[in-house]
Amino acid sequence: MTLLAHQGGWDEGLLVAAPLLVIVGLLWLAKRRADRVEHTGSAVDEHEHEHEPIDG
């Protein structure tokens, strides 16, 4: 259990930094996926309008 003993402050910093890094990583991943879905969704919409017949 000496690993859990006071280590000069770096261990407390790690206990704060590790969850923050996980949260930042998950937010980055979610934004990347959302951007990818938005990009592919807009591309599909553009192609659907290309093949519609023009009245007139």
PDB file of N, CA and C in Angstrom:
ATOM      1  N   MET A   1       0.811  -1.201   0.000  1.00  0.00           N
ATOM      2  CA  MET A   1       0.000   0.000   0.000  1.00  0.00           C
ATOM      3  C   MET A   1       0.852   1.261   0.000  1.00  0.00           C
ATOM      4  N   THR A   2       2.132   1.138  -0.189  1.00  0.00           N
ATOM      5  CA  THR A   2       2.977   2.332  -0.210  1.00  0.00           C
ATOM      6  C   THR A   2       2.711   3.178  -1.448  1.00  0.00           C
ATOM      7  N   LEU A   3       2.128   2.580  -2.479  1.00  0.00           N
ATOM      8  CA  LEU A   3       1.810   3.344  -3.680  1.00  0.00           C
ATOM      9  C   LEU A   3       0.741   4.394  -3.401  1.00  0.00           C
ATOM     10  N   LEU A   4      -0.177   4.103  -2.472  1.00  0.00           N
ATOM     11  CA  LEU A   4      -1.244   5.038  -2.151  1.00  0.00           C
ATOM     12  C   LEU A   4      -0.815   6.091  -1.141  1.00  0.00           C
ATOM     13  N   ALA A   5       0.390   5.964  -0.613  1.00  0.00           N
ATOM     14  CA  ALA A   5       0.882   6.955   0.345  1.00  0.00           C
ATOM     15  C   ALA A   5       1.205   8.254  -0.386  1.00  0.00           C
ATOM     16  N   HIS A   6       1.364   9.321   0.356  1.00  0.00           N
ATOM     17  CA  HIS A   6       1.648  10.631  -0.222  1.00  0.00           C
ATOM     18  C   HIS A   6       2.954  10.579  -1.012  1.00  0.00           C
ATOM     19  N   GLN A   7       2.915  11.004  -2.258  1.00  0.00           N
ATOM     20  CA  GLN A   7       4.069  10.909  -3.154  1.00  0.00           C
ATOM     21  C   GLN A   7       4.569  12.283  -3.586  1.00  0.00           C
ATOM     22  N   GLY A   8       4.349  13.287  -2.786  1.00  0.00           N
ATOM     23  CA  GLY A   8       4.833  14.615  -3.130  1.00  0.00           C
ATOM     24  C   GLY A   8       3.860  15.415  -3.974  1.00  0.00           C
ATOM     25  N   GLY A   9       2.662  14.944  -4.155  1.00  0.00           N
ATOM     26  CA  GLY A   9       1.640  15.695  -4.869  1.00  0.00           C
ATOM     27  C   GLY A   9       1.343  15.204  -6.269  1.00  0.00           C
ATOM     28  N   TRP A  10       2.232  14.456  -6.896  1.00  0.00           N
ATOM     29  CA  TRP A  10       1.993  14.024  -8.265  1.00  0.00           C
ATOM     30  C   TRP A  10       0.837  13.043  -8.338  1.00  0.00           C
ATOM     31  N   ASP A  11       0.665  12.245  -7.276  1.00  0.00           N
ATOM     32  CA  ASP A  11      -0.414  11.262  -7.295  1.00  0.00           C
ATOM     33  C   ASP A  11      -1.784  11.932  -7.191  1.00  0.00           C
ATOM     34  N   GLU A  12      -1.865  13.015  -6.407  1.00  0.00           N
ATOM     35  CA  GLU A  12      -3.130  13.742  -6.326  1.00  0.00           C
ATOM     36  C   GLU A  12      -3.448  14.418  -7.662  1.00  0.00           C
ATOM     37  N   GLY A  13      -2.421  14.923  -8.299  1.00  0.00           N
ATOM     38  CA  GLY A  13      -2.614  15.516  -9.621  1.00  0.00           C
ATOM     39  C   GLY A  13      -3.092  14.491 -10.628  1.00  0.00           C
ATOM     40  N   LEU A  14      -2.562  13.288 -10.532  1.00  0.00           N
ATOM     41  CA  LEU A  14      -2.978  12.214 -11.429  1.00  0.00           C
ATOM     42  C   LEU A  14      -4.436  11.833 -11.193  1.00  0.00           C
ATOM     43  N   LEU A  15      -4.857  11.852  -9.937  1.00  0.00           N
ATOM     44  CA  LEU A  15      -6.251  11.529  -9.626  1.00  0.00           C
ATOM     45  C   LEU A  15      -7.212  12.579 -10.186  1.00  0.00           C
ATOM     46  N   VAL A  16      -6.750  13.785 -10.388  1.00  0.00           N
ATOM     47  CA  VAL A  16      -7.580  14.834 -10.985  1.00  0.00           C
ATOM     48  C   VAL A  16      -7.436  14.817 -12.507  1.00  0.00           C
ATOM     49  N   ALA A  17      -6.218  14.662 -12.992  1.00  0.00           N
ATOM     50  CA  ALA A  17      -5.958  14.761 -14.431  1.00  0.00           C
ATOM     51  C   ALA A  17      -6.515  13.571 -15.214  1.00  0.00           C
ATOM     52  N   ALA A  18      -6.439  12.382 -14.658  1.00  0.00           N
ATOM     53  CA  ALA A  18      -6.885  11.195 -15.393  1.00  0.00           C
ATOM     54  C   ALA A  18      -8.375  11.261 -15.756  1.00  0.00           C
ATOM     55  N   PRO A  19      -9.276  11.534 -14.806  1.00  0.00           N
ATOM     56  CA  PRO A  19     -10.690  11.634 -15.200  1.00  0.00           C
ATOM     57  C   PRO A  19     -10.953  12.790 -16.171  1.00  0.00           C
ATOM     58  N   LEU A  20     -10.240  13.900 -16.005  1.00  0.00           N
ATOM     59  CA  LEU A  20     -10.415  15.018 -16.933  1.00  0.00           C
ATOM     60  C   LEU A  20      -9.993  14.624 -18.346  1.00  0.00           C
ATOM     61  N   LEU A  21      -8.894  13.908 -18.461  1.00  0.00           N
ATOM     62  CA  LEU A  21      -8.444  13.460 -19.778  1.00  0.00           C
ATOM     63  C   LEU A  21      -9.435  12.486 -20.406  1.00  0.00           C
ATOM     64  N   VAL A  22     -10.028  11.630 -19.589  1.00  0.00           N
ATOM     65  CA  VAL A  22     -11.037  10.699 -20.105  1.00  0.00           C
ATOM     66  C   VAL A  22     -12.251  11.472 -20.620  1.00  0.00           C
ATOM     67  N   ILE A  23     -12.707  12.458 -19.858  1.00  0.00           N
ATOM     68  CA  ILE A  23     -13.863  13.258 -20.265  1.00  0.00           C
ATOM     69  C   ILE A  23     -13.563  14.030 -21.548  1.00  0.00           C
ATOM     70  N   VAL A  24     -12.393  14.649 -21.617  1.00  0.00           N
ATOM     71  CA  VAL A  24     -12.008  15.389 -22.824  1.00  0.00           C
ATOM     72  C   VAL A  24     -11.937  14.445 -24.024  1.00  0.00           C
ATOM     73  N   GLY A  25     -11.386  13.272 -23.827  1.00  0.00           N
ATOM     74  CA  GLY A  25     -11.308  12.299 -24.913  1.00  0.00           C
ATOM     75  C   GLY A  25     -12.678  11.856 -25.396  1.00  0.00           C
ATOM     76  N   LEU A  26     -13.596  11.624 -24.475  1.00  0.00           N
ATOM     77  CA  LEU A  26     -14.944  11.223 -24.859  1.00  0.00           C
ATOM     78  C   LEU A  26     -15.688  12.346 -25.579  1.00  0.00           C
ATOM     79  N   LEU A  27     -15.498  13.581 -25.120  1.00  0.00           N
ATOM     80  CA  LEU A  27     -16.120  14.717 -25.804  1.00  0.00           C
ATOM     81  C   LEU A  27     -15.562  14.885 -27.212  1.00  0.00           C
ATOM     82  N   TRP A  28     -14.264  14.706 -27.359  1.00  0.00           N
ATOM     83  CA  TRP A  28     -13.631  14.800 -28.677  1.00  0.00           C
ATOM     84  C   TRP A  28     -14.190  13.722 -29.607  1.00  0.00           C
ATOM     85  N   LEU A  29     -14.309  12.502 -29.085  1.00  0.00           N
ATOM     86  CA  LEU A  29     -14.827  11.404 -29.890  1.00  0.00           C
ATOM     87  C   LEU A  29     -16.281  11.653 -30.291  1.00  0.00           C
ATOM     88  N   ALA A  30     -17.095  12.149 -29.363  1.00  0.00           N
ATOM     89  CA  ALA A  30     -18.499  12.428 -29.662  1.00  0.00           C
ATOM     90  C   ALA A  30     -18.622  13.527 -30.716  1.00  0.00           C
ATOM     91  N   LYS A  31     -17.800  14.563 -30.611  1.00  0.00           N
ATOM     92  CA  LYS A  31     -17.847  15.650 -31.600  1.00  0.00           C
ATOM     93  C   LYS A  31     -17.410  15.151 -32.969  1.00  0.00           C
ATOM     94  N   ARG A  32     -16.391  14.315 -32.997  1.00  0.00           N
ATOM     95  CA  ARG A  32     -15.917  13.770 -34.264  1.00  0.00           C
ATOM     96  C   ARG A  32     -17.000  12.925 -34.935  1.00  0.00           C
ATOM     97  N   ARG A  33     -17.681  12.113 -34.138  1.00  0.00           N
ATOM     98  CA  ARG A  33     -18.758  11.293 -34.695  1.00  0.00           C
ATOM     99  C   ARG A  33     -19.923  12.158 -35.169  1.00  0.00           C
ATOM    100  N   ALA A  34     -20.267  13.187 -34.395  1.00  0.00           N
ATOM    101  CA  ALA A  34     -21.372  14.072 -34.776  1.00  0.00           C
ATOM    102  C   ALA A  34     -21.039  14.816 -36.062  1.00  0.00           C
ATOM    103  N   ASP A  35     -19.810  15.284 -36.183  1.00  0.00           N
ATOM    104  CA  ASP A  35     -19.396  15.975 -37.408  1.00  0.00           C
ATOM    105  C   ASP A  35     -19.434  15.031 -38.604  1.00  0.00           C
ATOM    106  N   ARG A  36     -19.029  13.791 -38.384  1.00  0.00           N
ATOM    107  CA  ARG A  36     -19.024  12.810 -39.464  1.00  0.00           C
ATOM    108  C   ARG A  36     -20.457  12.505 -39.912  1.00  0.00           C
ATOM    109  N   VAL A  37     -21.378  12.365 -38.966  1.00  0.00           N
ATOM    110  CA  VAL A  37     -22.779  12.106 -39.303  1.00  0.00           C
ATOM    111  C   VAL A  37     -23.379  13.312 -40.013  1.00  0.00           C
ATOM    112  N   GLU A  38     -23.069  14.509 -39.536  1.00  0.00           N
ATOM    113  CA  GLU A  38     -23.579  15.729 -40.165  1.00  0.00           C
ATOM    114  C   GLU A  38     -23.067  15.848 -41.594  1.00  0.00           C
ATOM    115  N   HIS A  39     -21.803  15.529 -41.791  1.00  0.00           N
ATOM    116  CA  HIS A  39     -21.201  15.632 -43.124  1.00  0.00           C
ATOM    117  C   HIS A  39     -21.827  14.621 -44.081  1.00  0.00           C
ATOM    118  N   THR A  40     -21.978  13.384 -43.660  1.00  0.00           N
ATOM    119  CA  THR A  40     -22.558  12.368 -44.538  1.00  0.00           C
ATOM    120  C   THR A  40     -24.036  12.629 -44.757  1.00  0.00           C
ATOM    121  N   GLY A  41     -24.736  13.170 -43.782  1.00  0.00           N
ATOM    122  CA  GLY A  41     -26.152  13.487 -43.944  1.00  0.00           C
ATOM    123  C   GLY A  41     -26.365  14.583 -44.956  1.00  0.00           C
ATOM    124  N   SER A  42     -25.530  15.616 -44.940  1.00  0.00           N
ATOM    125  CA  SER A  42     -25.682  16.708 -45.896  1.00  0.00           C
ATOM    126  C   SER A  42     -25.311  16.251 -47.301  1.00  0.00           C
ATOM    127  N   ALA A  43     -24.362  15.351 -47.431  1.00  0.00           N
ATOM    128  CA  ALA A  43     -23.978  14.844 -48.744  1.00  0.00           C
ATOM    129  C   ALA A  43     -25.111  14.015 -49.339  1.00  0.00           C
ATOM    130  N   VAL A  44     -25.804  13.250 -48.526  1.00  0.00           N
ATOM    131  CA  VAL A  44     -26.924  12.450 -49.008  1.00  0.00           C
ATOM    132  C   VAL A  44     -28.044  13.366 -49.481  1.00  0.00           C
ATOM    133  N   ASP A  45     -28.322  14.435 -48.740  1.00  0.00           N
ATOM    134  CA  ASP A  45     -29.376  15.371 -49.125  1.00  0.00           C
ATOM    135  C   ASP A  45     -29.075  16.018 -50.477  1.00  0.00           C
ATOM    136  N   GLU A  46     -27.831  16.383 -50.725  1.00  0.00           N
ATOM    137  CA  GLU A  46     -27.467  17.019 -51.987  1.00  0.00           C
ATOM    138  C   GLU A  46     -27.660  16.062 -53.156  1.00  0.00           C
ATOM    139  N   HIS A  47     -27.298  14.796 -52.983  1.00  0.00           N
ATOM    140  CA  HIS A  47     -27.422  13.827 -54.062  1.00  0.00           C
ATOM    141  C   HIS A  47     -28.880  13.479 -54.334  1.00  0.00           C
ATOM    142  N   GLU A  48     -29.728  13.537 -53.341  1.00  0.00           N
ATOM    143  CA  GLU A  48     -31.141  13.248 -53.556  1.00  0.00           C
ATOM    144  C   GLU A  48     -31.769  14.297 -54.460  1.00  0.00           C
ATOM    145  N   HIS A  49     -31.361  15.545 -54.338  1.00  0.00           N
ATOM    146  CA  HIS A  49     -31.941  16.617 -55.127  1.00  0.00           C
ATOM    147  C   HIS A  49     -31.420  16.627 -56.565  1.00  0.00           C
ATOM    148  N   GLU A  50     -30.289  16.006 -56.819  1.00  0.00           N
ATOM    149  CA  GLU A  50     -29.738  15.982 -58.172  1.00  0.00           C
ATOM    150  C   GLU A  50     -30.598  15.149 -59.115  1.00  0.00           C
ATOM    151  N   HIS A  51     -31.236  14.094 -58.612  1.00  0.00           N
ATOM    152  CA  HIS A  51     -31.957  13.154 -59.456  1.00  0.00           C
ATOM    153  C   HIS A  51     -33.456  13.422 -59.510  1.00  0.00           C
ATOM    154  N   GLU A  52     -33.925  14.485 -58.908  1.00  0.00           N
ATOM    155  CA  GLU A  52     -35.347  14.794 -58.954  1.00  0.00           C
ATOM    156  C   GLU A  52     -35.688  15.405 -60.314  1.00  0.00           C
ATOM    157  N   PRO A  53     -36.803  14.988 -60.889  1.00  0.00           N
ATOM    158  CA  PRO A  53     -37.194  15.582 -62.180  1.00  0.00           C
ATOM    159  C   PRO A  53     -37.601  17.044 -62.002  1.00  0.00           C
ATOM    160  N   ILE A  54     -37.310  17.822 -63.024  1.00  0.00           N
ATOM    161  CA  ILE A  54     -37.644  19.243 -62.988  1.00  0.00           C
ATOM    162  C   ILE A  54     -38.974  19.432 -63.712  1.00  0.00           C
ATOM    163  N   ASP A  55     -39.948  20.003 -63.023  1.00  0.00           N
ATOM    164  CA  ASP A  55     -41.259  20.248 -63.637  1.00  0.00           C
ATOM    165  C   ASP A  55     -41.159  21.451 -64.570  1.00  0.00           C
ATOM    166  N   GLY A  56     -41.746  21.328 -65.728  1.00  0.00           N
ATOM    167  CA  GLY A  56     -41.787  22.504 -66.562  1.00  0.00           C
ATOM    168  C   GLY A  56     -41.469  22.253 -67.931  1.00  0.00           C
TER     169      GLY A  56
END
